[in-house]
Amino acid sequence: MASTPEEMAASMIRNLQAKTGKTLEQWLKIAGASGLEKHGQIVKYLKTEHGMTHGYASLVAHELRNSGKAATSRDDLVQAQYSGAKQGLRPIYDALVAQVGKFGKDVEVAPKKAYVSLRRNKQFGIIQPSTKTRVDVGINLKGEPATDRLEASGSFNAMVSHRVRVTDKSQVDSHLVGWLRKAYEAS
């Protein structure tokens, strides 16, 4: 069963032809030919003119509005995060992803616009280039006491319980990897 928005959208796209009689590509052509640009206008058009349900109409409108945008692939999202003044932080990100990838085949590295989500059954961590000199690693370790290095997340991100500030690749050490592994195993 789909549990994330991305999984739900992928499931809807797989079922689109069976439910509506047309593929996503066909619906994108139809919606694109309408000349409408706003999400709500596209949804209304697909519902009233083509009898589409709200969920599928919204999905098509979202896909149409996001097609052709520069940072759409996973690689593009990560590249955008580590560009310009933050490009020197990329080795930290690469080291973290390499270590987390060793946890198991069920690790999902899911780039978003401003950070990268680390998931198993649920999110266990995030990697975020917060400043031009620092990557913040958010970790879900509910009940773990904070230390000087493993800080309580505070206002950093409500989706994680702790944060580790990383300014150099050498700080991707056994302590940080151990905290991430503990969160992975608990997820």
N, C-alpha and C. Protein backbone atom coordinates (compact mmCIF):
# COMPACT_ATOMS: atom_id res chain seq x y z
N MET A 1 0.84 -1.19 0.00
CA MET A 1 0.00 0.00 0.00
C MET A 1 0.88 1.25 0.00
N ALA A 2 0.54 2.20 -0.81
CA ALA A 2 1.31 3.44 -0.92
C ALA A 2 1.18 4.25 0.36
N SER A 3 2.32 4.76 0.84
CA SER A 3 2.26 5.53 2.08
C SER A 3 2.81 6.94 1.94
N THR A 4 3.63 7.19 0.94
CA THR A 4 4.14 8.55 0.73
C THR A 4 3.41 9.18 -0.43
N PRO A 5 3.43 10.50 -0.54
CA PRO A 5 2.79 11.14 -1.69
C PRO A 5 3.37 10.65 -3.02
N GLU A 6 4.69 10.41 -3.04
CA GLU A 6 5.31 9.94 -4.28
C GLU A 6 4.80 8.55 -4.65
N GLU A 7 4.67 7.66 -3.64
CA GLU A 7 4.16 6.31 -3.89
C GLU A 7 2.70 6.34 -4.34
N MET A 8 1.92 7.23 -3.73
CA MET A 8 0.51 7.35 -4.12
C MET A 8 0.37 7.83 -5.56
N ALA A 9 1.17 8.83 -5.93
CA ALA A 9 1.12 9.34 -7.30
C ALA A 9 1.55 8.26 -8.29
N ALA A 10 2.60 7.51 -7.95
CA ALA A 10 3.07 6.44 -8.85
C ALA A 10 1.99 5.38 -9.02
N SER A 11 1.29 5.04 -7.95
CA SER A 11 0.20 4.07 -8.02
C SER A 11 -0.93 4.59 -8.90
N MET A 12 -1.28 5.86 -8.73
CA MET A 12 -2.34 6.45 -9.55
C MET A 12 -1.95 6.47 -11.03
N ILE A 13 -0.69 6.78 -11.31
CA ILE A 13 -0.24 6.81 -12.71
C ILE A 13 -0.33 5.41 -13.31
N ARG A 14 0.06 4.38 -12.53
CA ARG A 14 -0.04 2.99 -13.02
C ARG A 14 -1.48 2.62 -13.33
N ASN A 15 -2.42 3.13 -12.54
CA ASN A 15 -3.84 2.76 -12.70
C ASN A 15 -4.62 3.71 -13.60
N LEU A 16 -3.99 4.77 -14.07
CA LEU A 16 -4.70 5.82 -14.81
C LEU A 16 -5.41 5.29 -16.04
N GLN A 17 -4.73 4.51 -16.86
CA GLN A 17 -5.35 4.02 -18.09
C GLN A 17 -6.54 3.11 -17.79
N ALA A 18 -6.38 2.23 -16.81
CA ALA A 18 -7.48 1.32 -16.46
C ALA A 18 -8.69 2.09 -15.94
N LYS A 19 -8.44 3.15 -15.20
CA LYS A 19 -9.54 3.92 -14.59
C LYS A 19 -10.17 4.94 -15.54
N THR A 20 -9.36 5.48 -16.46
CA THR A 20 -9.87 6.58 -17.30
C THR A 20 -9.88 6.27 -18.80
N GLY A 21 -9.21 5.20 -19.19
CA GLY A 21 -9.17 4.85 -20.61
C GLY A 21 -8.01 5.49 -21.38
N LYS A 22 -7.22 6.30 -20.71
CA LYS A 22 -6.09 6.96 -21.38
C LYS A 22 -4.86 6.92 -20.47
N THR A 23 -3.69 6.97 -21.11
CA THR A 23 -2.43 7.00 -20.36
C THR A 23 -2.16 8.42 -19.87
N LEU A 24 -1.19 8.55 -18.99
CA LEU A 24 -0.80 9.87 -18.52
C LEU A 24 -0.35 10.74 -19.69
N GLU A 25 0.43 10.18 -20.59
CA GLU A 25 0.91 10.97 -21.74
C GLU A 25 -0.26 11.49 -22.57
N GLN A 26 -1.28 10.66 -22.77
CA GLN A 26 -2.47 11.10 -23.53
C GLN A 26 -3.19 12.22 -22.79
N TRP A 27 -3.35 12.09 -21.47
CA TRP A 27 -4.02 13.12 -20.69
C TRP A 27 -3.21 14.41 -20.67
N LEU A 28 -1.88 14.30 -20.63
CA LEU A 28 -1.05 15.50 -20.66
C LEU A 28 -1.22 16.26 -21.97
N LYS A 29 -1.36 15.53 -23.07
CA LYS A 29 -1.58 16.18 -24.38
C LYS A 29 -2.93 16.88 -24.40
N ILE A 30 -3.95 16.21 -23.88
CA ILE A 30 -5.30 16.79 -23.85
C ILE A 30 -5.31 18.05 -22.98
N ALA A 31 -4.77 17.92 -21.77
CA ALA A 31 -4.76 19.06 -20.85
C ALA A 31 -3.90 20.19 -21.40
N GLY A 32 -2.76 19.85 -22.00
CA GLY A 32 -1.87 20.86 -22.56
C GLY A 32 -2.52 21.60 -23.71
N ALA A 33 -3.29 20.90 -24.52
CA ALA A 33 -3.96 21.52 -25.66
C ALA A 33 -5.04 22.50 -25.23
N SER A 34 -5.50 22.38 -23.98
CA SER A 34 -6.54 23.29 -23.49
C SER A 34 -6.01 24.72 -23.36
N GLY A 35 -4.69 24.86 -23.22
CA GLY A 35 -4.11 26.18 -23.06
C GLY A 35 -4.21 26.74 -21.65
N LEU A 36 -4.84 25.99 -20.75
CA LEU A 36 -4.97 26.44 -19.37
C LEU A 36 -3.64 26.25 -18.63
N GLU A 37 -3.35 27.16 -17.70
CA GLU A 37 -2.07 27.09 -17.00
C GLU A 37 -2.20 26.90 -15.50
N LYS A 38 -3.26 27.37 -14.90
CA LYS A 38 -3.42 27.27 -13.45
C LYS A 38 -3.95 25.90 -13.07
N HIS A 39 -3.43 25.38 -11.96
CA HIS A 39 -3.80 24.04 -11.49
C HIS A 39 -5.32 23.87 -11.39
N GLY A 40 -5.96 24.79 -10.69
CA GLY A 40 -7.41 24.69 -10.49
C GLY A 40 -8.20 24.73 -11.79
N GLN A 41 -7.75 25.53 -12.75
CA GLN A 41 -8.43 25.60 -14.05
C GLN A 41 -8.30 24.28 -14.80
N ILE A 42 -7.12 23.68 -14.74
CA ILE A 42 -6.90 22.40 -15.42
C ILE A 42 -7.76 21.32 -14.78
N VAL A 43 -7.79 21.29 -13.45
CA VAL A 43 -8.61 20.30 -12.74
C VAL A 43 -10.08 20.44 -13.13
N LYS A 44 -10.59 21.67 -13.10
CA LYS A 44 -12.00 21.92 -13.45
C LYS A 44 -12.29 21.47 -14.88
N TYR A 45 -11.39 21.79 -15.81
CA TYR A 45 -11.55 21.40 -17.21
C TYR A 45 -11.63 19.88 -17.35
N LEU A 46 -10.71 19.17 -16.73
CA LEU A 46 -10.68 17.71 -16.85
C LEU A 46 -11.92 17.07 -16.21
N LYS A 47 -12.40 17.66 -15.13
CA LYS A 47 -13.58 17.11 -14.47
C LYS A 47 -14.85 17.39 -15.28
N THR A 48 -15.01 18.63 -15.73
CA THR A 48 -16.26 18.99 -16.41
C THR A 48 -16.30 18.52 -17.86
N GLU A 49 -15.19 18.63 -18.57
CA GLU A 49 -15.18 18.28 -19.99
C GLU A 49 -14.88 16.81 -20.25
N HIS A 50 -14.23 16.15 -19.32
CA HIS A 50 -13.82 14.77 -19.58
C HIS A 50 -14.29 13.79 -18.50
N GLY A 51 -15.05 14.27 -17.51
CA GLY A 51 -15.63 13.39 -16.49
C GLY A 51 -14.61 12.73 -15.57
N MET A 52 -13.44 13.31 -15.45
CA MET A 52 -12.39 12.73 -14.62
C MET A 52 -12.69 13.02 -13.15
N THR A 53 -12.33 12.08 -12.29
CA THR A 53 -12.49 12.32 -10.85
C THR A 53 -11.50 13.39 -10.40
N HIS A 54 -11.77 13.98 -9.25
CA HIS A 54 -10.92 15.06 -8.76
C HIS A 54 -9.46 14.61 -8.56
N GLY A 55 -9.28 13.44 -7.96
CA GLY A 55 -7.93 12.95 -7.68
C GLY A 55 -7.10 12.80 -8.94
N TYR A 56 -7.66 12.15 -9.96
CA TYR A 56 -6.92 11.96 -11.21
C TYR A 56 -6.73 13.29 -11.94
N ALA A 57 -7.73 14.15 -11.91
CA ALA A 57 -7.60 15.46 -12.56
C ALA A 57 -6.48 16.27 -11.90
N SER A 58 -6.41 16.22 -10.59
CA SER A 58 -5.37 16.93 -9.87
C SER A 58 -3.99 16.35 -10.19
N LEU A 59 -3.91 15.05 -10.29
CA LEU A 59 -2.65 14.39 -10.65
C LEU A 59 -2.18 14.86 -12.03
N VAL A 60 -3.07 14.84 -13.01
CA VAL A 60 -2.70 15.26 -14.37
C VAL A 60 -2.30 16.74 -14.38
N ALA A 61 -3.06 17.57 -13.67
CA ALA A 61 -2.72 19.00 -13.61
C ALA A 61 -1.35 19.20 -12.98
N HIS A 62 -1.08 18.48 -11.93
CA HIS A 62 0.23 18.58 -11.26
C HIS A 62 1.34 18.15 -12.21
N GLU A 63 1.17 17.03 -12.87
CA GLU A 63 2.20 16.53 -13.79
C GLU A 63 2.40 17.50 -14.96
N LEU A 64 1.31 18.06 -15.47
CA LEU A 64 1.41 19.01 -16.58
C LEU A 64 2.17 20.26 -16.15
N ARG A 65 1.83 20.79 -14.99
CA ARG A 65 2.48 22.03 -14.53
C ARG A 65 3.94 21.81 -14.18
N ASN A 66 4.32 20.59 -13.81
CA ASN A 66 5.71 20.32 -13.44
C ASN A 66 6.54 19.78 -14.60
N SER A 67 5.90 19.49 -15.72
CA SER A 67 6.68 18.97 -16.85
C SER A 67 7.54 20.08 -17.44
N GLY A 68 8.75 19.70 -17.80
CA GLY A 68 9.65 20.65 -18.42
C GLY A 68 10.37 21.57 -17.47
N LYS A 69 10.17 21.41 -16.16
CA LYS A 69 10.90 22.26 -15.21
C LYS A 69 12.32 21.72 -15.06
N ALA A 70 13.25 22.58 -14.78
CA ALA A 70 14.68 22.23 -14.76
C ALA A 70 15.03 21.14 -13.75
N ALA A 71 14.65 21.31 -12.51
CA ALA A 71 15.09 20.37 -11.49
C ALA A 71 14.01 19.34 -11.20
N THR A 72 13.82 18.37 -12.10
CA THR A 72 12.78 17.39 -11.89
C THR A 72 13.33 16.02 -11.53
N SER A 73 14.51 15.66 -12.01
CA SER A 73 15.03 14.34 -11.68
C SER A 73 15.72 14.39 -10.32
N ARG A 74 15.92 13.20 -9.75
CA ARG A 74 16.59 13.11 -8.45
C ARG A 74 17.98 13.73 -8.52
N ASP A 75 18.72 13.40 -9.58
CA ASP A 75 20.07 13.95 -9.72
C ASP A 75 20.04 15.47 -9.83
N ASP A 76 19.06 16.00 -10.56
CA ASP A 76 18.94 17.45 -10.72
C ASP A 76 18.65 18.13 -9.38
N LEU A 77 17.81 17.50 -8.56
CA LEU A 77 17.47 18.09 -7.27
C LEU A 77 18.71 18.15 -6.37
N VAL A 78 19.49 17.07 -6.34
CA VAL A 78 20.71 17.06 -5.53
C VAL A 78 21.71 18.06 -6.07
N GLN A 79 21.87 18.08 -7.39
CA GLN A 79 22.82 19.02 -8.01
C GLN A 79 22.45 20.47 -7.67
N ALA A 80 21.17 20.77 -7.68
CA ALA A 80 20.73 22.13 -7.35
C ALA A 80 21.03 22.48 -5.90
N GLN A 81 20.90 21.50 -4.99
CA GLN A 81 21.18 21.75 -3.58
C GLN A 81 22.67 22.06 -3.35
N TYR A 82 23.53 21.42 -4.13
CA TYR A 82 24.98 21.56 -3.93
C TYR A 82 25.62 22.34 -5.07
N SER A 83 24.98 23.42 -5.46
CA SER A 83 25.53 24.28 -6.51
C SER A 83 25.93 25.61 -5.90
N GLY A 84 26.61 26.41 -6.68
CA GLY A 84 27.00 27.74 -6.22
C GLY A 84 27.89 27.68 -4.99
N ALA A 85 27.56 28.49 -4.00
CA ALA A 85 28.37 28.59 -2.79
C ALA A 85 28.39 27.30 -1.98
N LYS A 86 27.44 26.39 -2.22
CA LYS A 86 27.37 25.15 -1.46
C LYS A 86 28.03 23.96 -2.16
N GLN A 87 28.65 24.17 -3.33
CA GLN A 87 29.22 23.05 -4.07
C GLN A 87 30.33 22.34 -3.31
N GLY A 88 31.03 23.04 -2.44
CA GLY A 88 32.09 22.44 -1.65
C GLY A 88 31.58 21.44 -0.61
N LEU A 89 30.26 21.42 -0.38
CA LEU A 89 29.66 20.50 0.59
C LEU A 89 29.31 19.15 -0.02
N ARG A 90 29.38 19.04 -1.33
CA ARG A 90 28.97 17.79 -2.00
C ARG A 90 29.73 16.56 -1.51
N PRO A 91 31.05 16.62 -1.23
CA PRO A 91 31.74 15.43 -0.70
C PRO A 91 31.14 14.92 0.61
N ILE A 92 30.63 15.82 1.44
CA ILE A 92 29.97 15.40 2.68
C ILE A 92 28.72 14.60 2.34
N TYR A 93 27.90 15.13 1.44
CA TYR A 93 26.68 14.44 1.02
C TYR A 93 27.03 13.06 0.45
N ASP A 94 28.00 13.02 -0.46
CA ASP A 94 28.38 11.76 -1.10
C ASP A 94 28.84 10.73 -0.08
N ALA A 95 29.63 11.16 0.92
CA ALA A 95 30.10 10.25 1.96
C ALA A 95 28.94 9.72 2.80
N LEU A 96 28.00 10.59 3.14
CA LEU A 96 26.83 10.16 3.91
C LEU A 96 26.00 9.14 3.15
N VAL A 97 25.72 9.42 1.89
CA VAL A 97 24.89 8.51 1.09
C VAL A 97 25.60 7.17 0.91
N ALA A 98 26.92 7.19 0.73
CA ALA A 98 27.67 5.94 0.59
C ALA A 98 27.57 5.09 1.85
N GLN A 99 27.67 5.73 3.02
CA GLN A 99 27.58 4.99 4.28
C GLN A 99 26.16 4.46 4.52
N VAL A 100 25.16 5.29 4.29
CA VAL A 100 23.77 4.88 4.51
C VAL A 100 23.39 3.76 3.54
N GLY A 101 23.92 3.80 2.33
CA GLY A 101 23.63 2.76 1.35
C GLY A 101 24.09 1.38 1.79
N LYS A 102 25.02 1.30 2.72
CA LYS A 102 25.52 0.02 3.23
C LYS A 102 24.58 -0.60 4.26
N PHE A 103 23.57 0.15 4.72
CA PHE A 103 22.67 -0.36 5.74
C PHE A 103 21.80 -1.50 5.21
N GLY A 104 21.39 -1.42 3.96
CA GLY A 104 20.53 -2.45 3.39
C GLY A 104 19.96 -2.01 2.06
N LYS A 105 19.42 -2.98 1.34
CA LYS A 105 18.85 -2.69 0.02
C LYS A 105 17.54 -1.93 0.12
N ASP A 106 16.98 -1.85 1.32
CA ASP A 106 15.69 -1.18 1.50
C ASP A 106 15.84 0.31 1.83
N VAL A 107 17.06 0.83 1.80
CA VAL A 107 17.27 2.26 2.03
C VAL A 107 16.82 3.02 0.80
N GLU A 108 16.00 4.03 1.01
CA GLU A 108 15.57 4.91 -0.09
C GLU A 108 16.15 6.30 0.14
N VAL A 109 16.90 6.78 -0.84
CA VAL A 109 17.44 8.13 -0.82
C VAL A 109 16.52 8.95 -1.71
N ALA A 110 15.74 9.84 -1.09
CA ALA A 110 14.68 10.55 -1.81
C ALA A 110 14.90 12.06 -1.78
N PRO A 111 15.56 12.61 -2.82
CA PRO A 111 15.79 14.05 -2.86
C PRO A 111 14.51 14.85 -2.95
N LYS A 112 14.45 15.92 -2.20
CA LYS A 112 13.38 16.92 -2.25
C LYS A 112 14.04 18.21 -2.73
N LYS A 113 13.31 19.30 -2.72
CA LYS A 113 13.87 20.56 -3.21
C LYS A 113 15.01 21.08 -2.32
N ALA A 114 14.85 21.03 -0.99
CA ALA A 114 15.83 21.64 -0.10
C ALA A 114 16.66 20.64 0.70
N TYR A 115 16.29 19.36 0.68
CA TYR A 115 17.00 18.35 1.46
C TYR A 115 16.80 16.99 0.81
N VAL A 116 17.49 15.98 1.36
CA VAL A 116 17.33 14.61 0.89
C VAL A 116 16.80 13.78 2.04
N SER A 117 15.69 13.11 1.81
CA SER A 117 15.07 12.26 2.81
C SER A 117 15.71 10.87 2.75
N LEU A 118 16.00 10.31 3.93
CA LEU A 118 16.51 8.95 4.04
C LEU A 118 15.39 8.12 4.64
N ARG A 119 14.96 7.09 3.89
CA ARG A 119 13.78 6.33 4.29
C ARG A 119 14.05 4.84 4.29
N ARG A 120 13.31 4.16 5.11
CA ARG A 120 13.20 2.71 5.07
C ARG A 120 11.70 2.46 5.01
N ASN A 121 11.11 2.01 6.10
CA ASN A 121 9.65 1.94 6.17
C ASN A 121 9.06 3.33 6.38
N LYS A 122 9.84 4.17 7.03
CA LYS A 122 9.48 5.57 7.24
C LYS A 122 10.78 6.36 7.25
N GLN A 123 10.67 7.66 7.26
CA GLN A 123 11.86 8.50 7.24
C GLN A 123 12.66 8.33 8.54
N PHE A 124 13.95 8.05 8.38
CA PHE A 124 14.80 7.94 9.56
C PHE A 124 15.85 9.04 9.63
N GLY A 125 16.00 9.81 8.54
CA GLY A 125 16.96 10.90 8.57
C GLY A 125 16.81 11.81 7.37
N ILE A 126 17.50 12.95 7.43
CA ILE A 126 17.55 13.86 6.29
C ILE A 126 18.96 14.44 6.19
N ILE A 127 19.32 14.82 4.98
CA ILE A 127 20.60 15.49 4.73
C ILE A 127 20.27 16.83 4.08
N GLN A 128 20.70 17.91 4.71
CA GLN A 128 20.34 19.23 4.22
C GLN A 128 21.54 20.18 4.24
N PRO A 129 21.92 20.74 3.08
CA PRO A 129 22.96 21.76 3.09
C PRO A 129 22.36 23.07 3.61
N SER A 130 22.57 23.34 4.88
CA SER A 130 21.89 24.47 5.53
C SER A 130 22.55 25.81 5.30
N THR A 131 23.88 25.82 5.24
CA THR A 131 24.61 27.04 4.97
C THR A 131 25.69 26.72 3.94
N LYS A 132 26.45 27.71 3.52
CA LYS A 132 27.50 27.44 2.53
C LYS A 132 28.68 26.70 3.14
N THR A 133 28.70 26.55 4.47
CA THR A 133 29.80 25.84 5.13
C THR A 133 29.36 24.64 5.94
N ARG A 134 28.04 24.30 5.93
CA ARG A 134 27.57 23.25 6.82
C ARG A 134 26.42 22.44 6.22
N VAL A 135 26.51 21.13 6.41
CA VAL A 135 25.41 20.21 6.12
C VAL A 135 24.83 19.79 7.46
N ASP A 136 23.52 19.86 7.58
CA ASP A 136 22.85 19.36 8.78
C ASP A 136 22.28 17.99 8.48
N VAL A 137 22.57 17.05 9.37
CA VAL A 137 22.04 15.70 9.24
C VAL A 137 20.98 15.55 10.32
N GLY A 138 19.73 15.43 9.89
CA GLY A 138 18.64 15.22 10.82
C GLY A 138 18.44 13.73 11.02
N ILE A 139 18.23 13.32 12.27
CA ILE A 139 18.13 11.89 12.59
C ILE A 139 16.93 11.68 13.51
N ASN A 140 16.13 10.65 13.23
CA ASN A 140 15.00 10.30 14.08
C ASN A 140 15.45 9.30 15.13
N LEU A 141 15.75 9.80 16.32
CA LEU A 141 16.17 8.97 17.44
C LEU A 141 15.37 9.35 18.68
N LYS A 142 14.08 9.17 18.60
CA LYS A 142 13.20 9.54 19.72
C LYS A 142 13.69 8.84 20.99
N GLY A 143 13.76 9.60 22.07
CA GLY A 143 14.17 9.05 23.35
C GLY A 143 15.67 9.06 23.59
N GLU A 144 16.45 9.33 22.57
CA GLU A 144 17.91 9.39 22.71
C GLU A 144 18.29 10.73 23.34
N PRO A 145 19.10 10.71 24.40
CA PRO A 145 19.50 11.99 25.01
C PRO A 145 20.41 12.79 24.07
N ALA A 146 20.24 14.09 24.09
CA ALA A 146 21.07 14.97 23.29
C ALA A 146 22.46 15.07 23.90
N THR A 147 23.46 15.32 23.05
CA THR A 147 24.84 15.52 23.48
C THR A 147 25.33 16.81 22.82
N ASP A 148 26.59 17.13 23.04
CA ASP A 148 27.15 18.31 22.37
C ASP A 148 27.08 18.16 20.86
N ARG A 149 27.30 16.95 20.36
CA ARG A 149 27.31 16.74 18.91
C ARG A 149 25.94 16.32 18.38
N LEU A 150 25.26 15.44 19.09
CA LEU A 150 23.92 14.98 18.70
C LEU A 150 22.91 15.89 19.40
N GLU A 151 22.62 17.01 18.76
CA GLU A 151 21.75 18.02 19.35
C GLU A 151 20.28 17.65 19.20
N ALA A 152 19.44 18.16 20.09
CA ALA A 152 18.00 18.10 19.87
C ALA A 152 17.72 18.96 18.64
N SER A 153 16.81 18.52 17.79
CA SER A 153 16.60 19.23 16.51
C SER A 153 16.07 20.64 16.68
N GLY A 154 15.35 20.90 17.76
CA GLY A 154 14.83 22.25 17.98
C GLY A 154 14.01 22.72 16.80
N SER A 155 14.31 23.91 16.31
CA SER A 155 13.55 24.47 15.19
C SER A 155 14.12 24.06 13.84
N PHE A 156 15.16 23.24 13.82
CA PHE A 156 15.78 22.81 12.56
C PHE A 156 14.76 22.15 11.64
N ASN A 157 14.12 21.08 12.11
CA ASN A 157 13.16 20.36 11.27
C ASN A 157 12.30 19.50 12.18
N ALA A 158 11.00 19.67 12.10
CA ALA A 158 10.07 18.94 12.97
C ALA A 158 9.97 17.45 12.60
N MET A 159 10.50 17.06 11.45
CA MET A 159 10.40 15.66 11.01
C MET A 159 11.50 14.78 11.61
N VAL A 160 12.44 15.37 12.36
CA VAL A 160 13.51 14.61 12.99
C VAL A 160 13.65 15.03 14.45
N SER A 161 14.22 14.16 15.26
CA SER A 161 14.37 14.47 16.69
C SER A 161 15.72 15.09 17.02
N HIS A 162 16.73 14.82 16.19
CA HIS A 162 18.09 15.28 16.47
C HIS A 162 18.75 15.85 15.22
N ARG A 163 19.83 16.58 15.46
CA ARG A 163 20.61 17.14 14.35
C ARG A 163 22.08 17.02 14.69
N VAL A 164 22.88 16.73 13.63
CA VAL A 164 24.33 16.76 13.73
C VAL A 164 24.81 17.74 12.67
N ARG A 165 25.61 18.70 13.09
CA ARG A 165 26.16 19.70 12.16
C ARG A 165 27.48 19.15 11.61
N VAL A 166 27.60 19.13 10.27
CA VAL A 166 28.79 18.56 9.63
C VAL A 166 29.41 19.63 8.73
N THR A 167 30.68 19.94 8.98
CA THR A 167 31.37 20.95 8.19
C THR A 167 32.50 20.37 7.35
N ASP A 168 32.81 19.08 7.57
CA ASP A 168 33.90 18.44 6.83
C ASP A 168 33.59 16.96 6.64
N LYS A 169 34.02 16.42 5.54
CA LYS A 169 33.78 15.01 5.21
C LYS A 169 34.30 14.07 6.30
N SER A 170 35.40 14.47 6.97
CA SER A 170 35.98 13.63 8.03
C SER A 170 35.02 13.44 9.21
N GLN A 171 34.01 14.30 9.33
CA GLN A 171 33.02 14.19 10.41
C GLN A 171 31.95 13.14 10.12
N VAL A 172 31.99 12.55 8.94
CA VAL A 172 31.12 11.41 8.63
C VAL A 172 31.85 10.19 9.19
N ASP A 173 31.81 10.07 10.52
CA ASP A 173 32.59 9.08 11.24
C ASP A 173 31.70 7.99 11.83
N SER A 174 32.30 7.10 12.62
CA SER A 174 31.56 5.97 13.18
C SER A 174 30.43 6.42 14.10
N HIS A 175 30.59 7.54 14.79
CA HIS A 175 29.52 8.03 15.67
C HIS A 175 28.30 8.45 14.86
N LEU A 176 28.51 9.28 13.85
CA LEU A 176 27.40 9.76 13.01
C LEU A 176 26.75 8.60 12.27
N VAL A 177 27.56 7.74 11.69
CA VAL A 177 27.01 6.58 10.96
C VAL A 177 26.26 5.67 11.93
N GLY A 178 26.77 5.52 13.14
CA GLY A 178 26.09 4.69 14.15
C GLY A 178 24.72 5.24 14.52
N TRP A 179 24.63 6.56 14.69
CA TRP A 179 23.32 7.17 15.00
C TRP A 179 22.34 6.96 13.84
N LEU A 180 22.84 7.15 12.62
CA LEU A 180 21.98 6.94 11.45
C LEU A 180 21.53 5.49 11.36
N ARG A 181 22.45 4.55 11.61
CA ARG A 181 22.09 3.12 11.57
C ARG A 181 21.04 2.79 12.63
N LYS A 182 21.19 3.33 13.83
CA LYS A 182 20.22 3.09 14.90
C LYS A 182 18.84 3.60 14.47
N ALA A 183 18.79 4.77 13.86
CA ALA A 183 17.52 5.31 13.39
C ALA A 183 16.95 4.46 12.26
N TYR A 184 17.81 3.99 11.36
CA TYR A 184 17.39 3.11 10.25
C TYR A 184 16.77 1.84 10.80
N GLU A 185 17.45 1.23 11.77
CA GLU A 185 16.96 -0.03 12.33
C GLU A 185 15.64 0.15 13.07
N ALA A 186 15.41 1.32 13.61
CA ALA A 186 14.15 1.60 14.32
C ALA A 186 13.01 1.97 13.38
N SER A 187 13.34 2.28 12.12
CA SER A 187 12.28 2.73 11.18
C SER A 187 11.57 1.59 10.52
